[in-house]
C-alpha atoms as a PDB file:
ATOM      1  CA  UNK A   1     -37.913   2.779 -37.533  1.00  0.00           C
ATOM      2  CA  UNK A   2     -35.257   3.959 -40.100  1.00  0.00           C
ATOM      3  CA  UNK A   3     -32.168   5.872 -39.000  1.00  0.00           C
ATOM      4  CA  UNK A   4     -32.441   9.488 -40.077  1.00  0.00           C
ATOM      5  CA  UNK A   5     -28.912  10.824 -40.878  1.00  0.00           C
ATOM      6  CA  UNK A   6     -30.119  14.324 -41.363  1.00  0.00           C
ATOM      7  CA  UNK A   7     -31.861  14.359 -37.982  1.00  0.00           C
ATOM      8  CA  UNK A   8     -28.771  12.833 -36.321  1.00  0.00           C
ATOM      9  CA  UNK A   9     -26.585  15.552 -37.837  1.00  0.00           C
ATOM     10  CA  UNK A  10     -28.932  18.282 -36.645  1.00  0.00           C
ATOM     11  CA  UNK A  11     -28.952  17.098 -33.004  1.00  0.00           C
ATOM     12  CA  UNK A  12     -25.247  16.421 -32.710  1.00  0.00           C
ATOM     13  CA  UNK A  13     -24.381  19.938 -31.560  1.00  0.00           C
ATOM     14  CA  UNK A  14     -26.961  19.653 -28.684  1.00  0.00           C
ATOM     15  CA  UNK A  15     -25.509  16.273 -27.608  1.00  0.00           C
ATOM     16  CA  UNK A  16     -21.930  17.543 -27.782  1.00  0.00           C
ATOM     17  CA  UNK A  17     -22.993  20.521 -25.466  1.00  0.00           C
ATOM     18  CA  UNK A  18     -24.416  17.916 -23.193  1.00  0.00           C
ATOM     19  CA  UNK A  19     -21.153  15.998 -23.435  1.00  0.00           C
ATOM     20  CA  UNK A  20     -19.202  19.046 -22.258  1.00  0.00           C
ATOM     21  CA  UNK A  21     -21.416  19.305 -19.091  1.00  0.00           C
ATOM     22  CA  UNK A  22     -20.880  15.555 -18.472  1.00  0.00           C
ATOM     23  CA  UNK A  23     -17.101  15.870 -18.713  1.00  0.00           C
ATOM     24  CA  UNK A  24     -17.093  19.010 -16.612  1.00  0.00           C
ATOM     25  CA  UNK A  25     -19.166  17.264 -13.857  1.00  0.00           C
ATOM     26  CA  UNK A  26     -16.833  14.337 -14.050  1.00  0.00           C
ATOM     27  CA  UNK A  27     -13.535  16.341 -13.717  1.00  0.00           C
ATOM     28  CA  UNK A  28     -14.860  18.540 -10.921  1.00  0.00           C
ATOM     29  CA  UNK A  29     -16.370  15.512  -9.095  1.00  0.00           C
ATOM     30  CA  UNK A  30     -13.126  13.617  -9.552  1.00  0.00           C
ATOM     31  CA  UNK A  31     -11.048  16.365  -7.938  1.00  0.00           C
ATOM     32  CA  UNK A  32     -13.472  16.430  -4.961  1.00  0.00           C
ATOM     33  CA  UNK A  33     -13.332  12.624  -4.663  1.00  0.00           C
ATOM     34  CA  UNK A  34      -9.536  12.559  -4.826  1.00  0.00           C
ATOM     35  CA  UNK A  35      -8.879  15.246  -2.270  1.00  0.00           C
ATOM     36  CA  UNK A  36     -11.671  14.299   0.073  1.00  0.00           C
ATOM     37  CA  UNK A  37     -10.824  10.566  -0.199  1.00  0.00           C
ATOM     38  CA  UNK A  38      -7.295  11.241   0.931  1.00  0.00           C
ATOM     39  CA  UNK A  39      -8.484  13.295   3.804  1.00  0.00           C
ATOM     40  CA  UNK A  40     -10.913  10.391   4.849  1.00  0.00           C
ATOM     41  CA  UNK A  41      -8.037   7.896   4.496  1.00  0.00           C
ATOM     42  CA  UNK A  42      -5.798   9.955   6.796  1.00  0.00           C
ATOM     43  CA  UNK A  43      -8.560  10.543   9.300  1.00  0.00           C
ATOM     44  CA  UNK A  44      -9.134   6.770   9.599  1.00  0.00           C
ATOM     45  CA  UNK A  45      -5.562   6.469  10.664  1.00  0.00           C
ATOM     46  CA  UNK A  46      -5.919   9.170  13.253  1.00  0.00           C
ATOM     47  CA  UNK A  47      -4.609   8.511  16.773  1.00  0.00           C
ATOM     48  CA  UNK A  48      -7.969   9.573  18.213  1.00  0.00           C
ATOM     49  CA  UNK A  49     -10.485   6.714  18.418  1.00  0.00           C
ATOM     50  CA  UNK A  50     -13.527   9.002  18.154  1.00  0.00           C
ATOM     51  CA  UNK A  51     -12.141  10.504  14.844  1.00  0.00           C
ATOM     52  CA  UNK A  52     -11.650   6.991  13.382  1.00  0.00           C
ATOM     53  CA  UNK A  53     -15.113   5.875  14.478  1.00  0.00           C
ATOM     54  CA  UNK A  54     -16.907   8.938  13.152  1.00  0.00           C
ATOM     55  CA  UNK A  55     -14.964   8.856   9.853  1.00  0.00           C
ATOM     56  CA  UNK A  56     -15.649   5.112   9.466  1.00  0.00           C
ATOM     57  CA  UNK A  57     -19.361   5.576  10.150  1.00  0.00           C
ATOM     58  CA  UNK A  58     -19.589   8.415   7.536  1.00  0.00           C
ATOM     59  CA  UNK A  59     -17.822   6.291   4.940  1.00  0.00           C
ATOM     60  CA  UNK A  60     -20.040   3.295   5.506  1.00  0.00           C
ATOM     61  CA  UNK A  61     -23.164   5.408   5.570  1.00  0.00           C
ATOM     62  CA  UNK A  62     -22.411   7.042   2.206  1.00  0.00           C
ATOM     63  CA  UNK A  63     -21.301   3.698   0.592  1.00  0.00           C
ATOM     64  CA  UNK A  64     -24.416   2.060   1.854  1.00  0.00           C
ATOM     65  CA  UNK A  65     -26.913   4.537   0.411  1.00  0.00           C
ATOM     66  CA  UNK A  66     -27.699   5.105  -3.321  1.00  0.00           C
ATOM     67  CA  UNK A  67     -26.087   7.959  -5.054  1.00  0.00           C
ATOM     68  CA  UNK A  68     -29.389   9.144  -6.486  1.00  0.00           C
ATOM     69  CA  UNK A  69     -30.925   9.467  -2.905  1.00  0.00           C
ATOM     70  CA  UNK A  70     -27.881  11.541  -1.931  1.00  0.00           C
ATOM     71  CA  UNK A  71     -28.363  13.779  -5.030  1.00  0.00           C
ATOM     72  CA  UNK A  72     -32.038  14.228  -4.172  1.00  0.00           C
ATOM     73  CA  UNK A  73     -31.120  15.219  -0.587  1.00  0.00           C
ATOM     74  CA  UNK A  74     -28.628  17.789  -1.719  1.00  0.00           C
ATOM     75  CA  UNK A  75     -30.871  19.308  -4.318  1.00  0.00           C
ATOM     76  CA  UNK A  76     -34.435  18.990  -2.839  1.00  0.00           C
ATOM     77  CA  UNK A  77     -33.900  18.720   0.977  1.00  0.00           C
ATOM     78  CA  UNK A  78     -31.088  21.164   1.678  1.00  0.00           C
ATOM     79  CA  UNK A  79     -33.147  24.246   0.449  1.00  0.00           C
ATOM     80  CA  UNK A  80     -35.652  23.604   3.316  1.00  0.00           C
ATOM     81  CA  UNK A  81     -32.706  23.930   5.668  1.00  0.00           C
ATOM     82  CA  UNK A  82     -31.730  27.217   4.123  1.00  0.00           C
ATOM     83  CA  UNK A  83     -28.968  25.883   1.790  1.00  0.00           C
ATOM     84  CA  UNK A  84     -29.761  26.189  -1.988  1.00  0.00           C
ATOM     85  CA  UNK A  85     -27.399  24.676  -4.475  1.00  0.00           C
ATOM     86  CA  UNK A  86     -27.593  24.677  -8.209  1.00  0.00           C
ATOM     87  CA  UNK A  87     -28.163  21.456 -10.005  1.00  0.00           C
ATOM     88  CA  UNK A  88     -24.536  21.240 -11.268  1.00  0.00           C
ATOM     89  CA  UNK A  89     -23.148  22.175  -7.885  1.00  0.00           C
ATOM     90  CA  UNK A  90     -25.211  19.549  -6.021  1.00  0.00           C
ATOM     91  CA  UNK A  91     -24.292  17.118  -8.709  1.00  0.00           C
ATOM     92  CA  UNK A  92     -20.466  17.429  -8.375  1.00  0.00           C
ATOM     93  CA  UNK A  93     -20.720  17.531  -4.558  1.00  0.00           C
ATOM     94  CA  UNK A  94     -22.855  14.398  -4.596  1.00  0.00           C
ATOM     95  CA  UNK A  95     -20.510  12.587  -7.042  1.00  0.00           C
ATOM     96  CA  UNK A  96     -17.464  13.756  -5.243  1.00  0.00           C
ATOM     97  CA  UNK A  97     -18.557  12.815  -1.732  1.00  0.00           C
ATOM     98  CA  UNK A  98     -19.955   9.457  -2.920  1.00  0.00           C
ATOM     99  CA  UNK A  99     -16.798   8.477  -4.695  1.00  0.00           C
ATOM    100  CA  UNK A 100     -14.579   9.873  -1.969  1.00  0.00           C
ATOM    101  CA  UNK A 101     -15.688   7.104   0.263  1.00  0.00           C
ATOM    102  CA  UNK A 102     -14.361   4.576  -2.270  1.00  0.00           C
ATOM    103  CA  UNK A 103     -11.160   6.342  -3.114  1.00  0.00           C
ATOM    104  CA  UNK A 104     -10.468   6.557   0.590  1.00  0.00           C
ATOM    105  CA  UNK A 105     -10.227   2.742   0.775  1.00  0.00           C
ATOM    106  CA  UNK A 106      -7.890   2.760  -2.255  1.00  0.00           C
ATOM    107  CA  UNK A 107      -5.679   5.331  -0.515  1.00  0.00           C
ATOM    108  CA  UNK A 108      -5.730   3.337   2.655  1.00  0.00           C
ATOM    109  CA  UNK A 109      -4.543   0.242   0.809  1.00  0.00           C
ATOM    110  CA  UNK A 110      -1.813   2.168  -0.924  1.00  0.00           C
ATOM    111  CA  UNK A 111      -0.606   3.594   2.450  1.00  0.00           C
ATOM    112  CA  UNK A 112      -0.665   0.210   4.115  1.00  0.00           C
ATOM    113  CA  UNK A 113       1.378  -1.133   1.223  1.00  0.00           C
ATOM    114  CA  UNK A 114       4.292   1.108   1.990  1.00  0.00           C
ATOM    115  CA  UNK A 115       6.985  -1.153   3.487  1.00  0.00           C
ATOM    116  CA  UNK A 116       7.291  -1.073   7.227  1.00  0.00           C
ATOM    117  CA  UNK A 117      10.973  -0.327   6.928  1.00  0.00           C
ATOM    118  CA  UNK A 118      10.182   3.075   5.354  1.00  0.00           C
ATOM    119  CA  UNK A 119       8.132   4.058   8.411  1.00  0.00           C
ATOM    120  CA  UNK A 120      10.954   2.874  10.688  1.00  0.00           C
ATOM    121  CA  UNK A 121      13.629   4.730   8.714  1.00  0.00           C
ATOM    122  CA  UNK A 122      11.575   7.936   8.928  1.00  0.00           C
ATOM    123  CA  UNK A 123      11.225   7.528  12.716  1.00  0.00           C
ATOM    124  CA  UNK A 124      14.919   6.778  13.062  1.00  0.00           C
ATOM    125  CA  UNK A 125      15.657  10.157  11.176  1.00  0.00           C
ATOM    126  CA  UNK A 126      13.315  11.956  13.549  1.00  0.00           C
ATOM    127  CA  UNK A 127      11.430  13.453  10.720  1.00  0.00           C
ATOM    128  CA  UNK A 128       8.251  15.605  11.585  1.00  0.00           C
ATOM    129  CA  UNK A 129       5.041  13.752  10.908  1.00  0.00           C
ATOM    130  CA  UNK A 130       3.978  16.129   8.166  1.00  0.00           C
ATOM    131  CA  UNK A 131       7.381  15.524   6.440  1.00  0.00           C
ATOM    132  CA  UNK A 132       6.966  11.761   6.755  1.00  0.00           C
ATOM    133  CA  UNK A 133       3.586  11.873   4.987  1.00  0.00           C
ATOM    134  CA  UNK A 134       4.579  14.423   2.361  1.00  0.00           C
ATOM    135  CA  UNK A 135       8.017  13.158   1.470  1.00  0.00           C
ATOM    136  CA  UNK A 136       8.136   9.475   2.336  1.00  0.00           C
ATOM    137  CA  UNK A 137       4.635   7.811   2.438  1.00  0.00           C
ATOM    138  CA  UNK A 138       2.432   9.502  -0.068  1.00  0.00           C
ATOM    139  CA  UNK A 139       5.007   9.699  -2.866  1.00  0.00           C
ATOM    140  CA  UNK A 140       5.217   5.835  -2.556  1.00  0.00           C
ATOM    141  CA  UNK A 141       1.485   5.124  -1.935  1.00  0.00           C
ATOM    142  CA  UNK A 142      -0.241   7.294  -4.516  1.00  0.00           C
ATOM    143  CA  UNK A 143       1.534   5.949  -7.696  1.00  0.00           C
ATOM    144  CA  UNK A 144       0.511   2.438  -6.760  1.00  0.00           C
ATOM    145  CA  UNK A 145      -3.170   3.320  -6.528  1.00  0.00           C
ATOM    146  CA  UNK A 146      -3.422   5.482  -9.719  1.00  0.00           C
ATOM    147  CA  UNK A 147      -4.966   2.589 -11.724  1.00  0.00           C
ATOM    148  CA  UNK A 148      -7.800   2.059  -9.171  1.00  0.00           C
ATOM    149  CA  UNK A 149      -8.340   5.794  -8.939  1.00  0.00           C
ATOM    150  CA  UNK A 150      -8.615   5.884 -12.721  1.00  0.00           C
ATOM    151  CA  UNK A 151     -11.211   3.217 -12.727  1.00  0.00           C
ATOM    152  CA  UNK A 152     -13.291   5.236 -10.279  1.00  0.00           C
ATOM    153  CA  UNK A 153     -13.104   8.285 -12.519  1.00  0.00           C
ATOM    154  CA  UNK A 154     -14.506   6.210 -15.431  1.00  0.00           C
ATOM    155  CA  UNK A 155     -17.219   4.902 -13.228  1.00  0.00           C
ATOM    156  CA  UNK A 156     -18.134   8.402 -12.199  1.00  0.00           C
ATOM    157  CA  UNK A 157     -18.284   9.446 -15.824  1.00  0.00           C
ATOM    158  CA  UNK A 158     -20.800   6.620 -16.586  1.00  0.00           C
ATOM    159  CA  UNK A 159     -22.964   7.600 -13.625  1.00  0.00           C
ATOM    160  CA  UNK A 160     -23.411  11.277 -14.636  1.00  0.00           C
ATOM    161  CA  UNK A 161     -26.757  10.581 -16.251  1.00  0.00           C
ATOM    162  CA  UNK A 162     -28.100  10.427 -12.705  1.00  0.00           C
ATOM    163  CA  UNK A 163     -27.564  14.168 -12.603  1.00  0.00           C
ATOM    164  CA  UNK A 164     -30.472  14.673 -15.052  1.00  0.00           C
ATOM    165  CA  UNK A 165     -32.687  13.873 -12.059  1.00  0.00           C
ATOM    166  CA  UNK A 166     -31.693  17.152 -10.464  1.00  0.00           C
ATOM    167  CA  UNK A 167     -32.132  19.262 -13.691  1.00  0.00           C
ATOM    168  CA  UNK A 168     -28.548  19.087 -14.953  1.00  0.00           C
ATOM    169  CA  UNK A 169     -28.664  19.194 -18.735  1.00  0.00           C
ATOM    170  CA  UNK A 170     -25.940  16.641 -19.227  1.00  0.00           C
ATOM    171  CA  UNK A 171     -25.772  14.338 -22.267  1.00  0.00           C
ATOM    172  CA  UNK A 172     -28.576  11.937 -21.520  1.00  0.00           C
ATOM    173  CA  UNK A 173     -30.857  14.688 -20.412  1.00  0.00           C
ATOM    174  CA  UNK A 174     -30.259  16.460 -23.713  1.00  0.00           C
ATOM    175  CA  UNK A 175     -31.030  13.286 -25.616  1.00  0.00           C
ATOM    176  CA  UNK A 176     -34.258  12.737 -23.610  1.00  0.00           C
ATOM    177  CA  UNK A 177     -35.316  16.317 -24.336  1.00  0.00           C
ATOM    178  CA  UNK A 178     -34.707  15.955 -27.995  1.00  0.00           C
ATOM    179  CA  UNK A 179     -36.627  12.723 -28.053  1.00  0.00           C
ATOM    180  CA  UNK A 180     -39.586  14.321 -26.211  1.00  0.00           C
ATOM    181  CA  UNK A 181     -39.725  17.084 -28.760  1.00  0.00           C
ATOM    182  CA  UNK A 182     -39.636  14.971 -31.923  1.00  0.00           C
ATOM    183  CA  UNK A 183     -40.718  11.522 -30.566  1.00  0.00           C
ATOM    184  CA  UNK A 184     -37.650  10.068 -32.160  1.00  0.00           C
ATOM    185  CA  UNK A 185     -35.470   8.372 -29.507  1.00  0.00           C
ATOM    186  CA  UNK A 186     -33.386   5.980 -31.708  1.00  0.00           C
ATOM    187  CA  UNK A 187     -30.865   8.571 -32.953  1.00  0.00           C
ATOM    188  CA  UNK A 188     -30.294  10.593 -29.779  1.00  0.00           C
ATOM    189  CA  UNK A 189     -30.042   7.746 -27.405  1.00  0.00           C
ATOM    190  CA  UNK A 190     -27.782   5.696 -29.792  1.00  0.00           C
ATOM    191  CA  UNK A 191     -25.554   8.703 -30.262  1.00  0.00           C
ATOM    192  CA  UNK A 192     -25.330   9.246 -26.478  1.00  0.00           C
ATOM    193  CA  UNK A 193     -24.192   5.670 -26.120  1.00  0.00           C
ATOM    194  CA  UNK A 194     -21.539   6.092 -28.769  1.00  0.00           C
ATOM    195  CA  UNK A 195     -20.286   9.201 -27.245  1.00  0.00           C
ATOM    196  CA  UNK A 196     -20.003   7.598 -23.889  1.00  0.00           C
ATOM    197  CA  UNK A 197     -18.038   4.830 -25.634  1.00  0.00           C
ATOM    198  CA  UNK A 198     -15.779   7.234 -27.493  1.00  0.00           C
ATOM    199  CA  UNK A 199     -14.748   8.881 -24.099  1.00  0.00           C
ATOM    200  CA  UNK A 200     -14.799   5.729 -21.963  1.00  0.00           C
ATOM    201  CA  UNK A 201     -12.684   3.454 -24.179  1.00  0.00           C
ATOM    202  CA  UNK A 202      -9.632   5.787 -24.440  1.00  0.00           C
ATOM    203  CA  UNK A 203      -9.876   6.432 -20.706  1.00  0.00           C
ATOM    204  CA  UNK A 204      -9.947   2.647 -20.051  1.00  0.00           C
ATOM    205  CA  UNK A 205      -6.941   2.159 -22.213  1.00  0.00           C
ATOM    206  CA  UNK A 206      -5.052   4.879 -20.326  1.00  0.00           C
ATOM    207  CA  UNK A 207      -5.892   3.128 -17.095  1.00  0.00           C
ATOM    208  CA  UNK A 208      -4.492  -0.058 -18.454  1.00  0.00           C
ATOM    209  CA  UNK A 209      -1.176   1.763 -19.178  1.00  0.00           C
ATOM    210  CA  UNK A 210      -1.256   3.016 -15.684  1.00  0.00           C
ATOM    211  CA  UNK A 211      -1.659  -0.600 -14.451  1.00  0.00           C
ATOM    212  CA  UNK A 212       1.287  -1.826 -16.503  1.00  0.00           C
ATOM    213  CA  UNK A 213       3.470   0.998 -15.259  1.00  0.00           C
ATOM    214  CA  UNK A 214       2.510   1.159 -11.606  1.00  0.00           C
ATOM    215  CA  UNK A 215       0.515  -2.012 -10.845  1.00  0.00           C
ATOM    216  CA  UNK A 216       3.451  -4.009  -9.601  1.00  0.00           C
END
């Protein structure tokens, strides 16, 4: 099969629209993952044993089940319970919750990496607990884990094609639709791979810069 440059040029706008959806899902899912991950990390340090156990069980359950199954549950099962989500909303919730269980472990490692003396100094100053977390612990813990968080954002970006299973017209779904119409898959699928590369490569380089700056 010979590469058709005219066809490739014609389908590029459709693929770029799919890329926009892919990036949007990644960004919104990342915000959910970062915020929820921090909440889960803090809950796993709760003074209440029941909170720690329930949170730990939730994290392990989500981490031990496939993301695709979770997306199917959100999109196909919840409507039978009276909760109907759009494909995009179900997708970003699924991505966000799934990756929150991983970012929570990253946050936990960063928090545990804060020197013990910092905790003792905060206690000696009789600072309120909220002030200790807001002004002492998190400002030291989060910069150290930025590279790991960045890697999870990139991983999430590369998993967005799963959203096509719940009707989200992201980049791969657009390519498959074009291929089904014309029975030419070489150009759309190759271009999708190149577009993923064009976004992932600069993002990976940015994460490497974060590693050099905050990794030690």
